Amino acid sequence: MNASTIKPLARLRVIPTCCATLLVAMLPVVPALAVSLSDLPQRWIEDDGRELALNSLAGRRIVLTMAYAGCHVICPQTVDQLRQMQRRLDMRGEQAEFVIVGYDPENDRPSDWRAVRTKRHLDRGNWHLLSGSLRDTERLAHQLGFEFWKYDEHVMHGMRAVVFDAQGYLQLEFGPETKVWANVI
């Protein structure tokens, strides 16, 4: 059957469905800007073993990403982008908290993040490398639009970060399409 054999009214009914499908396919995965820190899971463990509630960072700008402690390609690039942001903010006399949440709670333990902190020279107190439960990790990822999945022993993921303003509301998000993240903040 080809388009000429479909009745004209039937063809008209297909148009809205096709248009809606195309529009949805073109939309990027973007979290709702109404997301606030208080909407997110709060129970996290820092790389030094202390507990951290994301709400405790309210009142400051927060740059948040997700990473995999054992990643050798994308996550180091993400950390480099965040370090550039830190330098840019320092030059402007501005401050932010940098939060990295582990994608893989089974393998992103506080001791693993401590090793990342040491290797990547993330010595400042405004860097928070966090581990959490599988449920909280998946919920945070879903709420903020971080997609990931496991393939064998690897965690497959993209390169992305979000920024919360000092009031704790999601302000912006960026990923690989933004070449220099420091230019965005």
Protein backbone atom coordinates (compact mmCIF):
# COMPACT_ATOMS: atom_id res chain seq x y z
CA MET A 1 0.00 0.00 0.00
CA ASN A 2 1.35 3.45 -0.88
CA ALA A 3 0.34 6.99 0.09
CA SER A 4 -1.96 7.39 -2.93
CA THR A 5 -4.15 4.45 -1.85
CA ILE A 6 -4.70 5.83 1.69
CA LYS A 7 -7.92 7.83 1.97
CA PRO A 8 -7.34 11.59 2.29
CA LEU A 9 -8.91 11.80 5.79
CA ALA A 10 -6.75 8.94 7.04
CA ARG A 11 -3.66 10.78 5.79
CA LEU A 12 -4.70 13.88 7.74
CA ARG A 13 -5.03 11.87 10.96
CA VAL A 14 -1.44 10.63 10.59
CA ILE A 15 0.07 14.13 10.31
CA PRO A 16 -0.37 15.18 14.00
CA THR A 17 1.07 11.87 15.19
CA CYS A 18 4.10 12.18 12.90
CA CYS A 19 4.69 15.82 13.92
CA ALA A 20 4.42 14.99 17.61
CA THR A 21 6.82 12.08 17.20
CA LEU A 22 9.36 14.30 15.41
CA LEU A 23 9.10 17.03 18.04
CA VAL A 24 9.63 14.59 20.91
CA ALA A 25 12.59 13.00 19.13
CA MET A 26 14.21 16.41 18.65
CA LEU A 27 13.89 17.45 22.30
CA PRO A 28 17.06 17.04 24.36
CA VAL A 29 16.91 15.28 27.72
CA VAL A 30 16.62 18.32 29.97
CA PRO A 31 15.48 18.24 33.55
CA ALA A 32 12.66 20.56 34.56
CA LEU A 33 14.09 23.89 35.66
CA ALA A 34 11.79 23.74 38.68
CA VAL A 35 14.00 21.05 40.24
CA SER A 36 15.51 22.17 43.52
CA LEU A 37 18.14 20.70 45.81
CA SER A 38 15.43 19.75 48.28
CA ASP A 39 13.75 17.57 45.60
CA LEU A 40 16.86 15.42 45.27
CA PRO A 41 17.97 12.47 47.40
CA GLN A 42 19.83 13.82 50.43
CA ARG A 43 21.85 10.91 51.89
CA TRP A 44 25.38 10.87 50.48
CA ILE A 45 28.80 9.90 51.81
CA GLU A 46 31.84 12.07 51.05
CA ASP A 47 35.21 10.59 50.14
CA ASP A 48 36.39 11.16 53.73
CA GLY A 49 33.44 9.15 55.13
CA ARG A 50 31.37 12.11 56.35
CA GLU A 51 27.66 12.27 55.51
CA LEU A 52 26.46 15.10 53.30
CA ALA A 53 22.93 16.28 52.59
CA LEU A 54 22.78 18.29 49.37
CA ASN A 55 20.54 20.80 51.19
CA SER A 56 23.51 21.66 53.39
CA LEU A 57 25.09 23.34 50.35
CA ALA A 58 22.12 25.68 49.87
CA GLY A 59 23.06 29.35 49.78
CA ARG A 60 25.92 28.72 47.37
CA ARG A 61 26.14 28.05 43.64
CA ILE A 62 26.52 24.32 43.02
CA VAL A 63 27.97 22.64 39.94
CA LEU A 64 26.94 18.99 39.94
CA THR A 65 27.95 16.13 37.69
CA MET A 66 27.95 12.38 37.84
CA ALA A 67 31.02 10.26 37.19
CA TYR A 68 32.44 6.78 37.53
CA ALA A 69 35.57 6.51 39.71
CA GLY A 70 37.06 3.83 37.43
CA CYS A 71 36.44 5.78 34.21
CA HIS A 72 39.53 6.57 32.15
CA VAL A 73 38.12 8.69 29.32
CA ILE A 74 34.96 10.76 29.81
CA CYS A 75 35.15 11.36 33.57
CA PRO A 76 38.71 12.75 33.54
CA GLN A 77 37.60 15.14 30.77
CA THR A 78 34.59 16.13 32.89
CA VAL A 79 36.81 16.81 35.92
CA ASP A 80 39.14 18.87 33.72
CA GLN A 81 36.16 20.98 32.58
CA LEU A 82 35.12 21.50 36.21
CA ARG A 83 38.66 22.47 37.20
CA GLN A 84 38.66 25.08 34.41
CA MET A 85 35.39 26.39 35.82
CA GLN A 86 36.98 26.60 39.27
CA ARG A 87 39.89 28.63 37.87
CA ARG A 88 37.52 30.97 35.99
CA LEU A 89 35.43 31.56 39.10
CA ASP A 90 38.58 32.17 41.16
CA MET A 91 39.72 34.81 38.64
CA ARG A 92 36.35 36.57 39.00
CA GLY A 93 36.33 36.29 42.79
CA GLU A 94 33.27 34.04 42.72
CA GLN A 95 32.65 30.79 44.54
CA ALA A 96 30.88 27.51 43.87
CA GLU A 97 30.62 24.05 45.34
CA PHE A 98 31.63 21.24 42.95
CA VAL A 99 29.74 17.99 43.49
CA ILE A 100 30.58 14.71 41.76
CA VAL A 101 28.16 11.86 42.45
CA GLY A 102 29.25 8.32 41.64
CA TYR A 103 27.24 6.45 39.00
CA ASP A 104 28.14 3.02 40.38
CA PRO A 105 27.50 2.62 44.13
CA GLU A 106 29.01 -0.88 44.10
CA ASN A 107 32.37 0.43 42.88
CA ASP A 108 32.29 4.17 43.64
CA ARG A 109 33.02 3.88 47.34
CA PRO A 110 34.45 6.72 49.44
CA SER A 111 37.93 5.17 49.25
CA ASP A 112 37.68 5.09 45.44
CA TRP A 113 36.73 8.76 45.40
CA ARG A 114 39.56 9.56 47.81
CA ALA A 115 41.97 8.07 45.26
CA VAL A 116 40.38 10.18 42.48
CA ARG A 117 40.69 13.29 44.66
CA THR A 118 44.40 12.61 45.21
CA LYS A 119 45.15 11.68 41.60
CA ARG A 120 43.27 14.68 40.16
CA HIS A 121 44.57 17.13 42.82
CA LEU A 122 41.09 18.11 44.01
CA ASP A 123 42.40 19.44 47.31
CA ARG A 124 39.95 22.23 48.03
CA GLY A 125 37.09 21.88 50.51
CA ASN A 126 34.48 22.99 47.98
CA TRP A 127 34.86 19.71 46.05
CA HIS A 128 32.49 16.95 47.17
CA LEU A 129 32.99 13.43 45.76
CA LEU A 130 29.95 11.44 46.80
CA SER A 131 28.78 7.86 47.06
CA GLY A 132 25.23 6.79 47.75
CA SER A 133 22.76 3.95 47.57
CA LEU A 134 21.75 2.47 44.23
CA ARG A 135 18.19 3.76 44.71
CA ASP A 136 19.31 7.34 45.50
CA THR A 137 21.87 7.33 42.68
CA GLU A 138 19.31 6.21 40.11
CA ARG A 139 16.74 8.68 41.41
CA LEU A 140 19.19 11.61 41.26
CA ALA A 141 20.27 10.62 37.75
CA HIS A 142 16.67 10.41 36.58
CA GLN A 143 15.64 13.71 38.16
CA LEU A 144 18.56 15.57 36.61
CA GLY A 145 18.59 13.82 33.22
CA PHE A 146 21.87 11.93 33.59
CA GLU A 147 21.57 8.77 31.49
CA PHE A 148 23.77 5.76 32.21
CA TRP A 149 23.77 1.99 32.05
CA LYS A 150 26.13 -0.86 32.85
CA TYR A 151 27.79 -2.90 30.13
CA ASP A 152 29.80 -5.78 31.57
CA GLU A 153 31.93 -4.14 34.26
CA HIS A 154 31.78 -0.70 32.61
CA VAL A 155 29.42 2.18 33.28
CA MET A 156 28.35 3.77 30.00
CA HIS A 157 27.51 7.47 30.33
CA GLY A 158 27.81 10.88 28.77
CA MET A 159 29.56 14.09 29.75
CA ARG A 160 27.20 16.51 31.43
CA ALA A 161 26.80 18.91 34.37
CA VAL A 162 24.07 21.03 35.93
CA VAL A 163 24.27 24.24 37.96
CA PHE A 164 22.06 25.17 40.89
CA ASP A 165 21.78 28.81 41.92
CA ALA A 166 22.28 30.04 45.49
CA GLN A 167 18.55 29.55 46.16
CA GLY A 168 18.95 25.85 45.34
CA TYR A 169 17.12 25.84 41.99
CA LEU A 170 18.42 24.30 38.81
CA GLN A 171 19.74 27.17 36.74
CA LEU A 172 21.38 25.58 33.69
CA GLU A 173 22.79 22.42 32.20
CA PHE A 174 25.47 21.70 29.65
CA GLY A 175 27.27 18.81 28.04
CA PRO A 176 29.61 17.90 25.20
CA GLU A 177 28.00 20.41 22.84
CA THR A 178 29.51 23.13 25.05
CA LYS A 179 33.21 23.07 24.24
CA VAL A 180 34.45 25.10 27.22
CA TRP A 181 32.20 24.80 30.26
CA ALA A 182 34.01 27.65 32.01
CA ASN A 183 32.53 30.02 29.42
CA VAL A 184 29.01 29.11 30.52
CA ILE A 185 29.20 29.75 34.23
